Amino acid sequence: MIKDEKIGILTEDNSQEFAQGILELLNNQNLARKYGKKGLELIKTKYNWDESARKLLQIYREIL
């Protein structure tokens, strides 16, 4: 989701890479704001309870 929606930085699973990702956001506040704004937009439009319920109901109807 993070990669597909472009809402953050993905790192390898180690502390050094993770720290570098955090530093990148701390050093680039415009990028951090952009990711935050995009994340909030997605919560309101795509990843919310109403949308999840709609998709689940559609799957139930297809099964029946």
PDB file of N, CA and C in Angstrom:
ATOM      1  N   MET A   1       0.828  -1.185   0.000  1.00  0.00           N
ATOM      2  CA  MET A   1       0.000   0.000   0.000  1.00  0.00           C
ATOM      3  C   MET A   1       0.878   1.257   0.000  1.00  0.00           C
ATOM      4  N   ILE A   2       1.901   1.250   0.812  1.00  0.00           N
ATOM      5  CA  ILE A   2       2.763   2.432   0.896  1.00  0.00           C
ATOM      6  C   ILE A   2       3.401   2.714  -0.451  1.00  0.00           C
ATOM      7  N   LYS A   3       3.885   1.678  -1.094  1.00  0.00           N
ATOM      8  CA  LYS A   3       4.530   1.847  -2.398  1.00  0.00           C
ATOM      9  C   LYS A   3       3.503   2.195  -3.474  1.00  0.00           C
ATOM     10  N   ASP A   4       2.421   1.449  -3.511  1.00  0.00           N
ATOM     11  CA  ASP A   4       1.399   1.662  -4.542  1.00  0.00           C
ATOM     12  C   ASP A   4       0.755   3.037  -4.449  1.00  0.00           C
ATOM     13  N   GLU A   5       0.471   3.478  -3.248  1.00  0.00           N
ATOM     14  CA  GLU A   5      -0.224   4.749  -3.051  1.00  0.00           C
ATOM     15  C   GLU A   5       0.739   5.930  -2.890  1.00  0.00           C
ATOM     16  N   LYS A   6       2.036   5.625  -2.821  1.00  0.00           N
ATOM     17  CA  LYS A   6       3.058   6.669  -2.672  1.00  0.00           C
ATOM     18  C   LYS A   6       2.782   7.546  -1.449  1.00  0.00           C
ATOM     19  N   ILE A   7       2.704   6.875  -0.280  1.00  0.00           N
ATOM     20  CA  ILE A   7       2.394   7.610   0.951  1.00  0.00           C
ATOM     21  C   ILE A   7       3.477   7.475   2.009  1.00  0.00           C
ATOM     22  N   GLY A   8       4.639   7.017   1.624  1.00  0.00           N
ATOM     23  CA  GLY A   8       5.699   6.885   2.609  1.00  0.00           C
ATOM     24  C   GLY A   8       6.957   6.305   2.015  1.00  0.00           C
ATOM     25  N   ILE A   9       7.892   6.015   2.887  1.00  0.00           N
ATOM     26  CA  ILE A   9       9.183   5.469   2.486  1.00  0.00           C
ATOM     27  C   ILE A   9       9.277   4.041   2.992  1.00  0.00           C
ATOM     28  N   LEU A  10       9.615   3.130   2.115  1.00  0.00           N
ATOM     29  CA  LEU A  10       9.830   1.743   2.512  1.00  0.00           C
ATOM     30  C   LEU A  10      11.324   1.515   2.700  1.00  0.00           C
ATOM     31  N   THR A  11      11.668   0.775   3.730  1.00  0.00           N
ATOM     32  CA  THR A  11      13.064   0.475   4.003  1.00  0.00           C
ATOM     33  C   THR A  11      13.243  -1.025   4.188  1.00  0.00           C
ATOM     34  N   GLU A  12      14.481  -1.452   4.164  1.00  0.00           N
ATOM     35  CA  GLU A  12      14.786  -2.836   4.498  1.00  0.00           C
ATOM     36  C   GLU A  12      14.482  -3.051   5.981  1.00  0.00           C
ATOM     37  N   ASP A  13      14.415  -4.291   6.375  1.00  0.00           N
ATOM     38  CA  ASP A  13      14.045  -4.632   7.747  1.00  0.00           C
ATOM     39  C   ASP A  13      15.273  -4.634   8.659  1.00  0.00           C
ATOM     40  N   ASN A  14      15.880  -3.451   8.798  1.00  0.00           N
ATOM     41  CA  ASN A  14      16.981  -3.318   9.742  1.00  0.00           C
ATOM     42  C   ASN A  14      17.006  -1.888  10.276  1.00  0.00           C
ATOM     43  N   SER A  15      17.603  -1.721  11.422  1.00  0.00           N
ATOM     44  CA  SER A  15      17.545  -0.432  12.107  1.00  0.00           C
ATOM     45  C   SER A  15      18.246   0.691  11.350  1.00  0.00           C
ATOM     46  N   GLN A  16      19.322   0.382  10.658  1.00  0.00           N
ATOM     47  CA  GLN A  16      20.053   1.422   9.925  1.00  0.00           C
ATOM     48  C   GLN A  16      19.207   1.987   8.775  1.00  0.00           C
ATOM     49  N   GLU A  17      18.608   1.113   7.993  1.00  0.00           N
ATOM     50  CA  GLU A  17      17.752   1.563   6.888  1.00  0.00           C
ATOM     51  C   GLU A  17      16.542   2.336   7.414  1.00  0.00           C
ATOM     52  N   PHE A  18      15.949   1.820   8.499  1.00  0.00           N
ATOM     53  CA  PHE A  18      14.792   2.480   9.091  1.00  0.00           C
ATOM     54  C   PHE A  18      15.156   3.892   9.551  1.00  0.00           C
ATOM     55  N   ALA A  19      16.293   4.013  10.214  1.00  0.00           N
ATOM     56  CA  ALA A  19      16.766   5.328  10.672  1.00  0.00           C
ATOM     57  C   ALA A  19      16.996   6.261   9.492  1.00  0.00           C
ATOM     58  N   GLN A  20      17.549   5.746   8.403  1.00  0.00           N
ATOM     59  CA  GLN A  20      17.759   6.576   7.209  1.00  0.00           C
ATOM     60  C   GLN A  20      16.433   7.072   6.643  1.00  0.00           C
ATOM     61  N   GLY A  21      15.421   6.227   6.661  1.00  0.00           N
ATOM     62  CA  GLY A  21      14.095   6.628   6.194  1.00  0.00           C
ATOM     63  C   GLY A  21      13.515   7.735   7.054  1.00  0.00           C
ATOM     64  N   ILE A  22      13.665   7.608   8.355  1.00  0.00           N
ATOM     65  CA  ILE A  22      13.177   8.653   9.266  1.00  0.00           C
ATOM     66  C   ILE A  22      13.926   9.958   9.033  1.00  0.00           C
ATOM     67  N   LEU A  23      15.235   9.863   8.900  1.00  0.00           N
ATOM     68  CA  LEU A  23      16.032  11.075   8.658  1.00  0.00           C
ATOM     69  C   LEU A  23      15.646  11.744   7.346  1.00  0.00           C
ATOM     70  N   GLU A  24      15.341  10.952   6.338  1.00  0.00           N
ATOM     71  CA  GLU A  24      14.921  11.523   5.062  1.00  0.00           C
ATOM     72  C   GLU A  24      13.657  12.370   5.229  1.00  0.00           C
ATOM     73  N   LEU A  25      12.712  11.865   6.002  1.00  0.00           N
ATOM     74  CA  LEU A  25      11.485  12.633   6.238  1.00  0.00           C
ATOM     75  C   LEU A  25      11.740  13.855   7.124  1.00  0.00           C
ATOM     76  N   LEU A  26      12.590  13.707   8.120  1.00  0.00           N
ATOM     77  CA  LEU A  26      12.914  14.845   8.985  1.00  0.00           C
ATOM     78  C   LEU A  26      13.632  15.943   8.222  1.00  0.00           C
ATOM     79  N   ASN A  27      14.440  15.563   7.264  1.00  0.00           N
ATOM     80  CA  ASN A  27      15.207  16.535   6.478  1.00  0.00           C
ATOM     81  C   ASN A  27      14.425  17.086   5.291  1.00  0.00           C
ATOM     82  N   ASN A  28      13.284  16.494   4.988  1.00  0.00           N
ATOM     83  CA  ASN A  28      12.475  16.953   3.855  1.00  0.00           C
ATOM     84  C   ASN A  28      11.022  17.080   4.325  1.00  0.00           C
ATOM     85  N   GLN A  29      10.736  18.184   4.983  1.00  0.00           N
ATOM     86  CA  GLN A  29       9.397  18.368   5.548  1.00  0.00           C
ATOM     87  C   GLN A  29       8.321  18.469   4.473  1.00  0.00           C
ATOM     88  N   ASN A  30       8.673  18.968   3.299  1.00  0.00           N
ATOM     89  CA  ASN A  30       7.685  19.015   2.214  1.00  0.00           C
ATOM     90  C   ASN A  30       7.251  17.610   1.812  1.00  0.00           C
ATOM     91  N   LEU A  31       8.206  16.699   1.736  1.00  0.00           N
ATOM     92  CA  LEU A  31       7.882  15.309   1.398  1.00  0.00           C
ATOM     93  C   LEU A  31       7.033  14.678   2.502  1.00  0.00           C
ATOM     94  N   ALA A  32       7.403  14.924   3.758  1.00  0.00           N
ATOM     95  CA  ALA A  32       6.632  14.388   4.878  1.00  0.00           C
ATOM     96  C   ALA A  32       5.200  14.909   4.851  1.00  0.00           C
ATOM     97  N   ARG A  33       5.025  16.183   4.585  1.00  0.00           N
ATOM     98  CA  ARG A  33       3.670  16.755   4.488  1.00  0.00           C
ATOM     99  C   ARG A  33       2.899  16.146   3.323  1.00  0.00           C
ATOM    100  N   LYS A  34       3.580  15.967   2.198  1.00  0.00           N
ATOM    101  CA  LYS A  34       2.938  15.382   1.020  1.00  0.00           C
ATOM    102  C   LYS A  34       2.428  13.977   1.329  1.00  0.00           C
ATOM    103  N   TYR A  35       3.270  13.157   1.968  1.00  0.00           N
ATOM    104  CA  TYR A  35       2.856  11.806   2.328  1.00  0.00           C
ATOM    105  C   TYR A  35       1.702  11.833   3.327  1.00  0.00           C
ATOM    106  N   GLY A  36       1.779  12.709   4.305  1.00  0.00           N
ATOM    107  CA  GLY A  36       0.718  12.814   5.299  1.00  0.00           C
ATOM    108  C   GLY A  36      -0.605  13.243   4.690  1.00  0.00           C
ATOM    109  N   LYS A  37      -0.545  14.237   3.824  1.00  0.00           N
ATOM    110  CA  LYS A  37      -1.760  14.738   3.169  1.00  0.00           C
ATOM    111  C   LYS A  37      -2.388  13.650   2.291  1.00  0.00           C
ATOM    112  N   LYS A  38      -1.551  12.953   1.541  1.00  0.00           N
ATOM    113  CA  LYS A  38      -2.046  11.888   0.674  1.00  0.00           C
ATOM    114  C   LYS A  38      -2.652  10.756   1.508  1.00  0.00           C
ATOM    115  N   GLY A  39      -2.018  10.418   2.642  1.00  0.00           N
ATOM    116  CA  GLY A  39      -2.542   9.379   3.516  1.00  0.00           C
ATOM    117  C   GLY A  39      -3.911   9.731   4.070  1.00  0.00           C
ATOM    118  N   LEU A  40      -4.072  10.966   4.527  1.00  0.00           N
ATOM    119  CA  LEU A  40      -5.377  11.398   5.042  1.00  0.00           C
ATOM    120  C   LEU A  40      -6.440  11.376   3.951  1.00  0.00           C
ATOM    121  N   GLU A  41      -6.054  11.787   2.744  1.00  0.00           N
ATOM    122  CA  GLU A  41      -6.991  11.768   1.612  1.00  0.00           C
ATOM    123  C   GLU A  41      -7.453  10.341   1.324  1.00  0.00           C
ATOM    124  N   LEU A  42      -6.527   9.393   1.365  1.00  0.00           N
ATOM    125  CA  LEU A  42      -6.878   7.998   1.098  1.00  0.00           C
ATOM    126  C   LEU A  42      -7.775   7.421   2.188  1.00  0.00           C
ATOM    127  N   ILE A  43      -7.558   7.813   3.427  1.00  0.00           N
ATOM    128  CA  ILE A  43      -8.418   7.346   4.521  1.00  0.00           C
ATOM    129  C   ILE A  43      -9.846   7.837   4.317  1.00  0.00           C
ATOM    130  N   LYS A  44      -9.977   9.051   3.847  1.00  0.00           N
ATOM    131  CA  LYS A  44     -11.316   9.613   3.649  1.00  0.00           C
ATOM    132  C   LYS A  44     -12.013   9.017   2.441  1.00  0.00           C
ATOM    133  N   THR A  45     -11.262   8.618   1.408  1.00  0.00           N
ATOM    134  CA  THR A  45     -11.888   8.206   0.158  1.00  0.00           C
ATOM    135  C   THR A  45     -11.821   6.719  -0.145  1.00  0.00           C
ATOM    136  N   LYS A  46     -10.735   6.057   0.237  1.00  0.00           N
ATOM    137  CA  LYS A  46     -10.529   4.680  -0.210  1.00  0.00           C
ATOM    138  C   LYS A  46     -10.441   3.671   0.929  1.00  0.00           C
ATOM    139  N   TYR A  47      -9.791   4.008   1.997  1.00  0.00           N
ATOM    140  CA  TYR A  47      -9.566   3.075   3.090  1.00  0.00           C
ATOM    141  C   TYR A  47     -10.373   3.495   4.310  1.00  0.00           C
ATOM    142  N   ASN A  48     -11.693   3.382   4.186  1.00  0.00           N
ATOM    143  CA  ASN A  48     -12.583   3.746   5.285  1.00  0.00           C
ATOM    144  C   ASN A  48     -13.637   2.648   5.453  1.00  0.00           C
ATOM    145  N   TRP A  49     -14.387   2.720   6.536  1.00  0.00           N
ATOM    146  CA  TRP A  49     -15.354   1.662   6.832  1.00  0.00           C
ATOM    147  C   TRP A  49     -16.435   1.551   5.771  1.00  0.00           C
ATOM    148  N   ASP A  50     -16.914   2.669   5.263  1.00  0.00           N
ATOM    149  CA  ASP A  50     -17.975   2.614   4.256  1.00  0.00           C
ATOM    150  C   ASP A  50     -17.495   1.896   2.993  1.00  0.00           C
ATOM    151  N   GLU A  51     -16.301   2.238   2.551  1.00  0.00           N
ATOM    152  CA  GLU A  51     -15.758   1.608   1.347  1.00  0.00           C
ATOM    153  C   GLU A  51     -15.476   0.121   1.592  1.00  0.00           C
ATOM    154  N   SER A  52     -14.943  -0.208   2.753  1.00  0.00           N
ATOM    155  CA  SER A  52     -14.678  -1.611   3.083  1.00  0.00           C
ATOM    156  C   SER A  52     -15.973  -2.415   3.134  1.00  0.00           C
ATOM    157  N   ALA A  53     -17.000  -1.850   3.733  1.00  0.00           N
ATOM    158  CA  ALA A  53     -18.296  -2.532   3.818  1.00  0.00           C
ATOM    159  C   ALA A  53     -18.903  -2.719   2.435  1.00  0.00           C
ATOM    160  N   ARG A  54     -18.779  -1.717   1.582  1.00  0.00           N
ATOM    161  CA  ARG A  54     -19.311  -1.813   0.226  1.00  0.00           C
ATOM    162  C   ARG A  54     -18.640  -2.955  -0.533  1.00  0.00           C
ATOM    163  N   LYS A  55     -17.323  -3.058  -0.429  1.00  0.00           N
ATOM    164  CA  LYS A  55     -16.589  -4.124  -1.112  1.00  0.00           C
ATOM    165  C   LYS A  55     -16.965  -5.493  -0.560  1.00  0.00           C
ATOM    166  N   LEU A  56     -17.086  -5.601   0.756  1.00  0.00           N
ATOM    167  CA  LEU A  56     -17.449  -6.867   1.374  1.00  0.00           C
ATOM    168  C   LEU A  56     -18.852  -7.297   0.963  1.00  0.00           C
ATOM    169  N   LEU A  57     -19.786  -6.379   0.942  1.00  0.00           N
ATOM    170  CA  LEU A  57     -21.151  -6.684   0.519  1.00  0.00           C
ATOM    171  C   LEU A  57     -21.174  -7.152  -0.935  1.00  0.00           C
ATOM    172  N   GLN A  58     -20.378  -6.525  -1.764  1.00  0.00           N
ATOM    173  CA  GLN A  58     -20.291  -6.934  -3.167  1.00  0.00           C
ATOM    174  C   GLN A  58     -19.781  -8.374  -3.284  1.00  0.00           C
ATOM    175  N   ILE A  59     -18.792  -8.731  -2.492  1.00  0.00           N
ATOM    176  CA  ILE A  59     -18.261 -10.101  -2.506  1.00  0.00           C
ATOM    177  C   ILE A  59     -19.322 -11.085  -2.037  1.00  0.00           C
ATOM    178  N   TYR A  60     -20.056 -10.746  -0.958  1.00  0.00           N
ATOM    179  CA  TYR A  60     -21.122 -11.619  -0.464  1.00  0.00           C
ATOM    180  C   TYR A  60     -22.184 -11.840  -1.546  1.00  0.00           C
ATOM    181  N   ARG A  61     -22.525 -10.798  -2.242  1.00  0.00           N
ATOM    182  CA  ARG A  61     -23.552 -10.928  -3.296  1.00  0.00           C
ATOM    183  C   ARG A  61     -23.062 -11.808  -4.439  1.00  0.00           C
ATOM    184  N   GLU A  62     -21.777 -11.721  -4.771  1.00  0.00           N
ATOM    185  CA  GLU A  62     -21.233 -12.566  -5.823  1.00  0.00           C
ATOM    186  C   GLU A  62     -21.214 -14.035  -5.428  1.00  0.00           C
ATOM    187  N   ILE A  63     -20.996 -14.296  -4.154  1.00  0.00           N
ATOM    188  CA  ILE A  63     -20.944 -15.673  -3.663  1.00  0.00           C
ATOM    189  C   ILE A  63     -22.344 -16.289  -3.688  1.00  0.00           C
ATOM    190  N   LEU A  64     -23.327 -15.512  -3.316  1.00  0.00           N
ATOM    191  CA  LEU A  64     -24.697 -16.022  -3.256  1.00  0.00           C
ATOM    192  C   LEU A  64     -25.272 -15.989  -4.623  1.00  0.00           C
TER     193      LEU A  64
END
